[in-house]
Amino acid sequence: MLVLVVLIAATIAAWTFALWPRARAVSAPEAVPAPEPAPAPKPVEPPPRAESTEGLLVAQLIRGDLTQSQYRKAMACLAERDETRHPLSLPGEG
């Protein structure tokens, strides 16, 4: 029991010593340079236009013009169209 009391007292003393504000030597205040004015903000450039239909859909999804389900449906339609226009040939099919 005595060990516990000593341990708690030592912990409190350590925390007090660590967190107690330290007295600073009083001296003449140093001249603090005035902060420089902030530069004028640069105009924000619009993002580049999408060069593909997929890029356009992603941009619309990010802006919130499309929901996730609309995006998935549009991408599925693009995949079907791409498969119809440019079918993949498997190796060995000639």
PDB file of N, CA and C in Angstrom:
ATOM      1  N   MET A   1       0.818  -1.183   0.000  1.00  0.00           N
ATOM      2  CA  MET A   1       0.000   0.000   0.000  1.00  0.00           C
ATOM      3  C   MET A   1       0.872   1.262   0.000  1.00  0.00           C
ATOM      4  N   LEU A   2       1.922   1.223   0.768  1.00  0.00           N
ATOM      5  CA  LEU A   2       2.832   2.359   0.833  1.00  0.00           C
ATOM      6  C   LEU A   2       3.515   2.575  -0.526  1.00  0.00           C
ATOM      7  N   VAL A   3       3.834   1.469  -1.180  1.00  0.00           N
ATOM      8  CA  VAL A   3       4.472   1.567  -2.498  1.00  0.00           C
ATOM      9  C   VAL A   3       3.526   2.244  -3.487  1.00  0.00           C
ATOM     10  N   LEU A   4       2.264   1.913  -3.425  1.00  0.00           N
ATOM     11  CA  LEU A   4       1.276   2.511  -4.318  1.00  0.00           C
ATOM     12  C   LEU A   4       1.159   4.020  -4.071  1.00  0.00           C
ATOM     13  N   VAL A   5       1.141   4.429  -2.825  1.00  0.00           N
ATOM     14  CA  VAL A   5       1.048   5.853  -2.493  1.00  0.00           C
ATOM     15  C   VAL A   5       2.282   6.594  -2.992  1.00  0.00           C
ATOM     16  N   VAL A   6       3.460   6.005  -2.797  1.00  0.00           N
ATOM     17  CA  VAL A   6       4.696   6.639  -3.263  1.00  0.00           C
ATOM     18  C   VAL A   6       4.708   6.725  -4.783  1.00  0.00           C
ATOM     19  N   LEU A   7       4.252   5.684  -5.434  1.00  0.00           N
ATOM     20  CA  LEU A   7       4.207   5.668  -6.899  1.00  0.00           C
ATOM     21  C   LEU A   7       3.256   6.743  -7.425  1.00  0.00           C
ATOM     22  N   ILE A   8       2.097   6.883  -6.817  1.00  0.00           N
ATOM     23  CA  ILE A   8       1.136   7.906  -7.240  1.00  0.00           C
ATOM     24  C   ILE A   8       1.712   9.297  -6.995  1.00  0.00           C
ATOM     25  N   ALA A   9       2.343   9.495  -5.846  1.00  0.00           N
ATOM     26  CA  ALA A   9       2.940  10.797  -5.539  1.00  0.00           C
ATOM     27  C   ALA A   9       4.049  11.134  -6.525  1.00  0.00           C
ATOM     28  N   ALA A  10       4.865  10.157  -6.889  1.00  0.00           N
ATOM     29  CA  ALA A  10       5.939  10.382  -7.849  1.00  0.00           C
ATOM     30  C   ALA A  10       5.366  10.716  -9.231  1.00  0.00           C
ATOM     31  N   THR A  11       4.301  10.054  -9.610  1.00  0.00           N
ATOM     32  CA  THR A  11       3.667  10.324 -10.897  1.00  0.00           C
ATOM     33  C   THR A  11       3.106  11.739 -10.931  1.00  0.00           C
ATOM     34  N   ILE A  12       2.425  12.136  -9.861  1.00  0.00           N
ATOM     35  CA  ILE A  12       1.873  13.489  -9.798  1.00  0.00           C
ATOM     36  C   ILE A  12       2.997  14.524  -9.846  1.00  0.00           C
ATOM     37  N   ALA A  13       4.079  14.265  -9.133  1.00  0.00           N
ATOM     38  CA  ALA A  13       5.203  15.198  -9.136  1.00  0.00           C
ATOM     39  C   ALA A  13       5.828  15.299 -10.522  1.00  0.00           C
ATOM     40  N   ALA A  14       5.973  14.168 -11.198  1.00  0.00           N
ATOM     41  CA  ALA A  14       6.559  14.175 -12.542  1.00  0.00           C
ATOM     42  C   ALA A  14       5.677  14.957 -13.509  1.00  0.00           C
ATOM     43  N   TRP A  15       4.376  14.743 -13.458  1.00  0.00           N
ATOM     44  CA  TRP A  15       3.463  15.461 -14.346  1.00  0.00           C
ATOM     45  C   TRP A  15       3.458  16.957 -14.023  1.00  0.00           C
ATOM     46  N   THR A  16       3.488  17.282 -12.749  1.00  0.00           N
ATOM     47  CA  THR A  16       3.515  18.691 -12.364  1.00  0.00           C
ATOM     48  C   THR A  16       4.780  19.358 -12.869  1.00  0.00           C
ATOM     49  N   PHE A  17       5.902  18.693 -12.708  1.00  0.00           N
ATOM     50  CA  PHE A  17       7.175  19.245 -13.170  1.00  0.00           C
ATOM     51  C   PHE A  17       7.184  19.396 -14.693  1.00  0.00           C
ATOM     52  N   ALA A  18       6.614  18.413 -15.403  1.00  0.00           N
ATOM     53  CA  ALA A  18       6.635  18.437 -16.869  1.00  0.00           C
ATOM     54  C   ALA A  18       5.692  19.497 -17.440  1.00  0.00           C
ATOM     55  N   LEU A  19       4.574  19.725 -16.779  1.00  0.00           N
ATOM     56  CA  LEU A  19       3.564  20.608 -17.345  1.00  0.00           C
ATOM     57  C   LEU A  19       3.548  22.006 -16.745  1.00  0.00           C
ATOM     58  N   TRP A  20       4.294  22.245 -15.684  1.00  0.00           N
ATOM     59  CA  TRP A  20       4.304  23.553 -15.026  1.00  0.00           C
ATOM     60  C   TRP A  20       4.975  24.572 -15.943  1.00  0.00           C
ATOM     61  N   PRO A  21       4.342  25.727 -16.136  1.00  0.00           N
ATOM     62  CA  PRO A  21       4.973  26.727 -17.020  1.00  0.00           C
ATOM     63  C   PRO A  21       6.277  27.223 -16.407  1.00  0.00           C
ATOM     64  N   ARG A  22       7.254  27.303 -17.223  1.00  0.00           N
ATOM     65  CA  ARG A  22       8.569  27.715 -16.745  1.00  0.00           C
ATOM     66  C   ARG A  22       8.679  29.234 -16.803  1.00  0.00           C
ATOM     67  N   ALA A  23       9.305  29.812 -15.795  1.00  0.00           N
ATOM     68  CA  ALA A  23       9.507  31.262 -15.770  1.00  0.00           C
ATOM     69  C   ALA A  23      10.612  31.602 -16.756  1.00  0.00           C
ATOM     70  N   ARG A  24      10.338  32.580 -17.590  1.00  0.00           N
ATOM     71  CA  ARG A  24      11.344  32.998 -18.568  1.00  0.00           C
ATOM     72  C   ARG A  24      12.044  34.240 -18.044  1.00  0.00           C
ATOM     73  N   ALA A  25      13.261  34.395 -18.416  1.00  0.00           N
ATOM     74  CA  ALA A  25      14.010  35.591 -18.018  1.00  0.00           C
ATOM     75  C   ALA A  25      13.371  36.796 -18.691  1.00  0.00           C
ATOM     76  N   VAL A  26      13.103  37.820 -17.915  1.00  0.00           N
ATOM     77  CA  VAL A  26      12.459  39.013 -18.445  1.00  0.00           C
ATOM     78  C   VAL A  26      13.537  39.863 -19.103  1.00  0.00           C
ATOM     79  N   SER A  27      13.354  40.142 -20.355  1.00  0.00           N
ATOM     80  CA  SER A  27      14.302  40.960 -21.092  1.00  0.00           C
ATOM     81  C   SER A  27      13.513  41.887 -22.011  1.00  0.00           C
ATOM     82  N   ALA A  28      14.212  42.746 -22.683  1.00  0.00           N
ATOM     83  CA  ALA A  28      13.561  43.667 -23.598  1.00  0.00           C
ATOM     84  C   ALA A  28      12.904  42.863 -24.716  1.00  0.00           C
ATOM     85  N   PRO A  29      11.698  43.238 -25.087  1.00  0.00           N
ATOM     86  CA  PRO A  29      11.029  42.482 -26.159  1.00  0.00           C
ATOM     87  C   PRO A  29      11.781  42.636 -27.475  1.00  0.00           C
ATOM     88  N   GLU A  30      11.875  41.547 -28.163  1.00  0.00           N
ATOM     89  CA  GLU A  30      12.563  41.559 -29.454  1.00  0.00           C
ATOM     90  C   GLU A  30      11.605  42.091 -30.518  1.00  0.00           C
ATOM     91  N   ALA A  31      12.166  42.730 -31.486  1.00  0.00           N
ATOM     92  CA  ALA A  31      11.357  43.251 -32.582  1.00  0.00           C
ATOM     93  C   ALA A  31      10.911  42.087 -33.455  1.00  0.00           C
ATOM     94  N   VAL A  32       9.640  41.985 -33.619  1.00  0.00           N
ATOM     95  CA  VAL A  32       9.081  40.923 -34.446  1.00  0.00           C
ATOM     96  C   VAL A  32       8.751  41.526 -35.799  1.00  0.00           C
ATOM     97  N   PRO A  33       9.297  40.948 -36.864  1.00  0.00           N
ATOM     98  CA  PRO A  33       8.999  41.519 -38.187  1.00  0.00           C
ATOM     99  C   PRO A  33       7.522  41.347 -38.519  1.00  0.00           C
ATOM    100  N   ALA A  34       6.997  42.322 -39.209  1.00  0.00           N
ATOM    101  CA  ALA A  34       5.596  42.266 -39.621  1.00  0.00           C
ATOM    102  C   ALA A  34       5.434  41.169 -40.666  1.00  0.00           C
ATOM    103  N   PRO A  35       4.350  40.434 -40.589  1.00  0.00           N
ATOM    104  CA  PRO A  35       4.146  39.382 -41.587  1.00  0.00           C
ATOM    105  C   PRO A  35       3.924  39.977 -42.969  1.00  0.00           C
ATOM    106  N   GLU A  36       4.425  39.262 -43.944  1.00  0.00           N
ATOM    107  CA  GLU A  36       4.256  39.725 -45.326  1.00  0.00           C
ATOM    108  C   GLU A  36       2.812  39.489 -45.749  1.00  0.00           C
ATOM    109  N   PRO A  37       2.283  40.376 -46.572  1.00  0.00           N
ATOM    110  CA  PRO A  37       0.908  40.158 -47.022  1.00  0.00           C
ATOM    111  C   PRO A  37       0.835  38.905 -47.897  1.00  0.00           C
ATOM    112  N   ALA A  38      -0.272  38.226 -47.784  1.00  0.00           N
ATOM    113  CA  ALA A  38      -0.460  37.002 -48.565  1.00  0.00           C
ATOM    114  C   ALA A  38      -0.598  37.350 -50.039  1.00  0.00           C
ATOM    115  N   PRO A  39      -0.005  36.538 -50.907  1.00  0.00           N
ATOM    116  CA  PRO A  39      -0.155  36.822 -52.339  1.00  0.00           C
ATOM    117  C   PRO A  39      -1.609  36.629 -52.766  1.00  0.00           C
ATOM    118  N   ALA A  40      -1.967  37.329 -53.815  1.00  0.00           N
ATOM    119  CA  ALA A  40      -3.331  37.223 -54.331  1.00  0.00           C
ATOM    120  C   ALA A  40      -3.566  35.800 -54.828  1.00  0.00           C
ATOM    121  N   PRO A  41      -4.744  35.234 -54.566  1.00  0.00           N
ATOM    122  CA  PRO A  41      -5.010  33.869 -55.028  1.00  0.00           C
ATOM    123  C   PRO A  41      -5.057  33.811 -56.554  1.00  0.00           C
ATOM    124  N   LYS A  42      -4.517  32.742 -57.070  1.00  0.00           N
ATOM    125  CA  LYS A  42      -4.532  32.550 -58.524  1.00  0.00           C
ATOM    126  C   LYS A  42      -5.892  32.008 -58.932  1.00  0.00           C
ATOM    127  N   PRO A  43      -6.356  32.381 -60.104  1.00  0.00           N
ATOM    128  CA  PRO A  43      -7.646  31.841 -60.545  1.00  0.00           C
ATOM    129  C   PRO A  43      -7.540  30.331 -60.778  1.00  0.00           C
ATOM    130  N   VAL A  44      -8.582  29.639 -60.416  1.00  0.00           N
ATOM    131  CA  VAL A  44      -8.605  28.189 -60.564  1.00  0.00           C
ATOM    132  C   VAL A  44      -8.944  27.847 -62.004  1.00  0.00           C
ATOM    133  N   GLU A  45      -8.100  27.018 -62.594  1.00  0.00           N
ATOM    134  CA  GLU A  45      -8.344  26.602 -63.971  1.00  0.00           C
ATOM    135  C   GLU A  45      -9.357  25.464 -63.982  1.00  0.00           C
ATOM    136  N   PRO A  46     -10.270  25.464 -64.931  1.00  0.00           N
ATOM    137  CA  PRO A  46     -11.224  24.355 -65.007  1.00  0.00           C
ATOM    138  C   PRO A  46     -10.485  23.083 -65.413  1.00  0.00           C
ATOM    139  N   PRO A  47     -10.972  21.927 -64.984  1.00  0.00           N
ATOM    140  CA  PRO A  47     -10.310  20.685 -65.368  1.00  0.00           C
ATOM    141  C   PRO A  47     -10.389  20.485 -66.883  1.00  0.00           C
ATOM    142  N   PRO A  48      -9.426  19.778 -67.442  1.00  0.00           N
ATOM    143  CA  PRO A  48      -9.461  19.558 -68.893  1.00  0.00           C
ATOM    144  C   PRO A  48     -10.695  18.752 -69.289  1.00  0.00           C
ATOM    145  N   ARG A  49     -11.142  19.001 -70.486  1.00  0.00           N
ATOM    146  CA  ARG A  49     -12.317  18.279 -70.982  1.00  0.00           C
ATOM    147  C   ARG A  49     -11.960  16.818 -71.210  1.00  0.00           C
ATOM    148  N   ALA A  50     -12.926  15.971 -70.971  1.00  0.00           N
ATOM    149  CA  ALA A  50     -12.710  14.535 -71.160  1.00  0.00           C
ATOM    150  C   ALA A  50     -12.600  14.243 -72.656  1.00  0.00           C
ATOM    151  N   GLU A  51     -11.644  13.379 -72.997  1.00  0.00           N
ATOM    152  CA  GLU A  51     -11.444  13.048 -74.401  1.00  0.00           C
ATOM    153  C   GLU A  51     -12.162  11.766 -74.792  1.00  0.00           C
ATOM    154  N   SER A  52     -12.698  11.057 -73.815  1.00  0.00           N
ATOM    155  CA  SER A  52     -13.398   9.809 -74.125  1.00  0.00           C
ATOM    156  C   SER A  52     -14.743   9.802 -73.409  1.00  0.00           C
ATOM    157  N   THR A  53     -15.602   8.906 -73.845  1.00  0.00           N
ATOM    158  CA  THR A  53     -16.911   8.793 -73.208  1.00  0.00           C
ATOM    159  C   THR A  53     -16.756   8.334 -71.763  1.00  0.00           C
ATOM    160  N   GLU A  54     -15.799   7.433 -71.518  1.00  0.00           N
ATOM    161  CA  GLU A  54     -15.564   6.961 -70.158  1.00  0.00           C
ATOM    162  C   GLU A  54     -15.117   8.113 -69.257  1.00  0.00           C
ATOM    163  N   GLY A  55     -14.227   8.961 -69.783  1.00  0.00           N
ATOM    164  CA  GLY A  55     -13.771  10.111 -69.020  1.00  0.00           C
ATOM    165  C   GLY A  55     -14.895  11.085 -68.723  1.00  0.00           C
ATOM    166  N   LEU A  56     -15.782  11.281 -69.676  1.00  0.00           N
ATOM    167  CA  LEU A  56     -16.932  12.147 -69.474  1.00  0.00           C
ATOM    168  C   LEU A  56     -17.840  11.587 -68.387  1.00  0.00           C
ATOM    169  N   LEU A  57     -18.055  10.280 -68.402  1.00  0.00           N
ATOM    170  CA  LEU A  57     -18.897   9.661 -67.375  1.00  0.00           C
ATOM    171  C   LEU A  57     -18.273   9.787 -65.988  1.00  0.00           C
ATOM    172  N   VAL A  58     -16.964   9.600 -65.907  1.00  0.00           N
ATOM    173  CA  VAL A  58     -16.281   9.741 -64.615  1.00  0.00           C
ATOM    174  C   VAL A  58     -16.396  11.171 -64.110  1.00  0.00           C
ATOM    175  N   ALA A  59     -16.216  12.143 -65.002  1.00  0.00           N
ATOM    176  CA  ALA A  59     -16.331  13.548 -64.598  1.00  0.00           C
ATOM    177  C   ALA A  59     -17.736  13.848 -64.095  1.00  0.00           C
ATOM    178  N   GLN A  60     -18.744  13.304 -64.774  1.00  0.00           N
ATOM    179  CA  GLN A  60     -20.124  13.516 -64.335  1.00  0.00           C
ATOM    180  C   GLN A  60     -20.383  12.838 -62.990  1.00  0.00           C
ATOM    181  N   LEU A  61     -19.793  11.684 -62.787  1.00  0.00           N
ATOM    182  CA  LEU A  61     -19.948  10.977 -61.515  1.00  0.00           C
ATOM    183  C   LEU A  61     -19.314  11.771 -60.381  1.00  0.00           C
ATOM    184  N   ILE A  62     -18.119  12.313 -60.604  1.00  0.00           N
ATOM    185  CA  ILE A  62     -17.426  13.088 -59.571  1.00  0.00           C
ATOM    186  C   ILE A  62     -18.182  14.372 -59.257  1.00  0.00           C
ATOM    187  N   ARG A  63     -18.721  15.026 -60.285  1.00  0.00           N
ATOM    188  CA  ARG A  63     -19.482  16.262 -60.063  1.00  0.00           C
ATOM    189  C   ARG A  63     -20.816  15.995 -59.379  1.00  0.00           C
ATOM    190  N   GLY A  64     -21.286  14.759 -59.439  1.00  0.00           N
ATOM    191  CA  GLY A  64     -22.570  14.426 -58.831  1.00  0.00           C
ATOM    192  C   GLY A  64     -23.717  14.489 -59.814  1.00  0.00           C
ATOM    193  N   ASP A  65     -23.417  14.619 -61.109  1.00  0.00           N
ATOM    194  CA  ASP A  65     -24.474  14.651 -62.111  1.00  0.00           C
ATOM    195  C   ASP A  65     -25.074  13.266 -62.328  1.00  0.00           C
ATOM    196  N   LEU A  66     -24.300  12.225 -62.063  1.00  0.00           N
ATOM    197  CA  LEU A  66     -24.758  10.846 -62.203  1.00  0.00           C
ATOM    198  C   LEU A  66     -24.714  10.147 -60.854  1.00  0.00           C
ATOM    199  N   THR A  67     -25.654   9.244 -60.644  1.00  0.00           N
ATOM    200  CA  THR A  67     -25.576   8.388 -59.459  1.00  0.00           C
ATOM    201  C   THR A  67     -24.704   7.194 -59.808  1.00  0.00           C
ATOM    202  N   GLN A  68     -24.353   6.409 -58.794  1.00  0.00           N
ATOM    203  CA  GLN A  68     -23.505   5.243 -59.052  1.00  0.00           C
ATOM    204  C   GLN A  68     -24.215   4.227 -59.944  1.00  0.00           C
ATOM    205  N   SER A  69     -25.509   4.048 -59.729  1.00  0.00           N
ATOM    206  CA  SER A  69     -26.233   3.078 -60.557  1.00  0.00           C
ATOM    207  C   SER A  69     -26.329   3.565 -62.005  1.00  0.00           C
ATOM    208  N   GLN A  70     -26.524   4.875 -62.211  1.00  0.00           N
ATOM    209  CA  GLN A  70     -26.548   5.403 -63.573  1.00  0.00           C
ATOM    210  C   GLN A  70     -25.192   5.231 -64.242  1.00  0.00           C
ATOM    211  N   TYR A  71     -24.124   5.457 -63.473  1.00  0.00           N
ATOM    212  CA  TYR A  71     -22.773   5.296 -64.011  1.00  0.00           C
ATOM    213  C   TYR A  71     -22.531   3.849 -64.426  1.00  0.00           C
ATOM    214  N   ARG A  72     -22.900   2.903 -63.554  1.00  0.00           N
ATOM    215  CA  ARG A  72     -22.690   1.485 -63.883  1.00  0.00           C
ATOM    216  C   ARG A  72     -23.493   1.077 -65.114  1.00  0.00           C
ATOM    217  N   LYS A  73     -24.729   1.566 -65.225  1.00  0.00           N
ATOM    218  CA  LYS A  73     -25.561   1.229 -66.384  1.00  0.00           C
ATOM    219  C   LYS A  73     -24.958   1.806 -67.662  1.00  0.00           C
ATOM    220  N   ALA A  74     -24.481   3.053 -67.591  1.00  0.00           N
ATOM    221  CA  ALA A  74     -23.871   3.679 -68.768  1.00  0.00           C
ATOM    222  C   ALA A  74     -22.595   2.947 -69.173  1.00  0.00           C
ATOM    223  N   MET A  75     -21.791   2.531 -68.201  1.00  0.00           N
ATOM    224  CA  MET A  75     -20.570   1.795 -68.520  1.00  0.00           C
ATOM    225  C   MET A  75     -20.889   0.426 -69.111  1.00  0.00           C
ATOM    226  N   ALA A  76     -21.950  -0.215 -68.638  1.00  0.00           N
ATOM    227  CA  ALA A  76     -22.359  -1.498 -69.210  1.00  0.00           C
ATOM    228  C   ALA A  76     -22.797  -1.314 -70.659  1.00  0.00           C
ATOM    229  N   CYS A  77     -23.526  -0.241 -70.939  1.00  0.00           N
ATOM    230  CA  CYS A  77     -23.936   0.035 -72.328  1.00  0.00           C
ATOM    231  C   CYS A  77     -22.720   0.305 -73.211  1.00  0.00           C
ATOM    232  N   LEU A  78     -21.736   1.033 -72.680  1.00  0.00           N
ATOM    233  CA  LEU A  78     -20.508   1.286 -73.445  1.00  0.00           C
ATOM    234  C   LEU A  78     -19.760  -0.016 -73.722  1.00  0.00           C
ATOM    235  N   ALA A  79     -19.724  -0.898 -72.739  1.00  0.00           N
ATOM    236  CA  ALA A  79     -19.037  -2.177 -72.926  1.00  0.00           C
ATOM    237  C   ALA A  79     -19.734  -3.011 -73.991  1.00  0.00           C
ATOM    238  N   GLU A  80     -21.068  -3.026 -73.974  1.00  0.00           N
ATOM    239  CA  GLU A  80     -21.816  -3.766 -75.004  1.00  0.00           C
ATOM    240  C   GLU A  80     -21.550  -3.180 -76.385  1.00  0.00           C
ATOM    241  N   ARG A  81     -21.578  -1.862 -76.488  1.00  0.00           N
ATOM    242  CA  ARG A  81     -21.329  -1.205 -77.773  1.00  0.00           C
ATOM    243  C   ARG A  81     -19.926  -1.501 -78.278  1.00  0.00           C
ATOM    244  N   ASP A  82     -18.952  -1.459 -77.366  1.00  0.00           N
ATOM    245  CA  ASP A  82     -17.574  -1.741 -77.740  1.00  0.00           C
ATOM    246  C   ASP A  82     -17.418  -3.189 -78.187  1.00  0.00           C
ATOM    247  N   GLU A  83     -18.091  -4.112 -77.521  1.00  0.00           N
ATOM    248  CA  GLU A  83     -18.015  -5.521 -77.904  1.00  0.00           C
ATOM    249  C   GLU A  83     -18.632  -5.738 -79.277  1.00  0.00           C
ATOM    250  N   THR A  84     -19.709  -5.031 -79.585  1.00  0.00           N
ATOM    251  CA  THR A  84     -20.358  -5.159 -80.889  1.00  0.00           C
ATOM    252  C   THR A  84     -19.484  -4.570 -81.996  1.00  0.00           C
ATOM    253  N   ARG A  85     -18.902  -3.417 -81.746  1.00  0.00           N
ATOM    254  CA  ARG A  85     -18.098  -2.743 -82.768  1.00  0.00           C
ATOM    255  C   ARG A  85     -16.722  -3.373 -82.943  1.00  0.00           C
ATOM    256  N   HIS A  86     -16.113  -3.790 -81.861  1.00  0.00           N
ATOM    257  CA  HIS A  86     -14.750  -4.325 -81.910  1.00  0.00           C
ATOM    258  C   HIS A  86     -14.671  -5.609 -81.089  1.00  0.00           C
ATOM    259  N   PRO A  87     -15.184  -6.721 -81.627  1.00  0.00           N
ATOM    260  CA  PRO A  87     -15.135  -7.962 -80.840  1.00  0.00           C
ATOM    261  C   PRO A  87     -13.689  -8.451 -80.684  1.00  0.00           C
ATOM    262  N   LEU A  88     -13.407  -9.008 -79.510  1.00  0.00           N
ATOM    263  CA  LEU A  88     -12.074  -9.544 -79.258  1.00  0.00           C
ATOM    264  C   LEU A  88     -11.983 -10.943 -79.842  1.00  0.00           C
ATOM    265  N   SER A  89     -10.883 -11.207 -80.483  1.00  0.00           N
ATOM    266  CA  SER A  89     -10.677 -12.563 -80.990  1.00  0.00           C
ATOM    267  C   SER A  89      -9.711 -13.269 -80.046  1.00  0.00           C
ATOM    268  N   LEU A  90     -10.063 -14.469 -79.676  1.00  0.00           N
ATOM    269  CA  LEU A  90      -9.221 -15.252 -78.789  1.00  0.00           C
ATOM    270  C   LEU A  90      -8.084 -15.875 -79.579  1.00  0.00           C
ATOM    271  N   PRO A  91      -6.946 -16.112 -78.938  1.00  0.00           N
ATOM    272  CA  PRO A  91      -5.841 -16.756 -79.651  1.00  0.00           C
ATOM    273  C   PRO A  91      -6.270 -18.138 -80.149  1.00  0.00           C
ATOM    274  N   GLY A  92      -5.953 -18.429 -81.376  1.00  0.00           N
ATOM    275  CA  GLY A  92      -6.276 -19.722 -81.958  1.00  0.00           C
ATOM    276  C   GLY A  92      -7.588 -19.730 -82.720  1.00  0.00           C
ATOM    277  N   GLU A  93      -8.369 -18.640 -82.669  1.00  0.00           N
ATOM    278  CA  GLU A  93      -9.623 -18.591 -83.419  1.00  0.00           C
ATOM    279  C   GLU A  93      -9.392 -18.185 -84.864  1.00  0.00           C
ATOM    280  N   GLY A  94      -8.196 -17.696 -85.158  1.00  0.00           N
ATOM    281  CA  GLY A  94      -7.818 -17.386 -86.517  1.00  0.00           C
ATOM    282  C   GLY A  94      -8.304 -16.124 -86.987  1.00  0.00           C
TER     283      GLY A  94
END
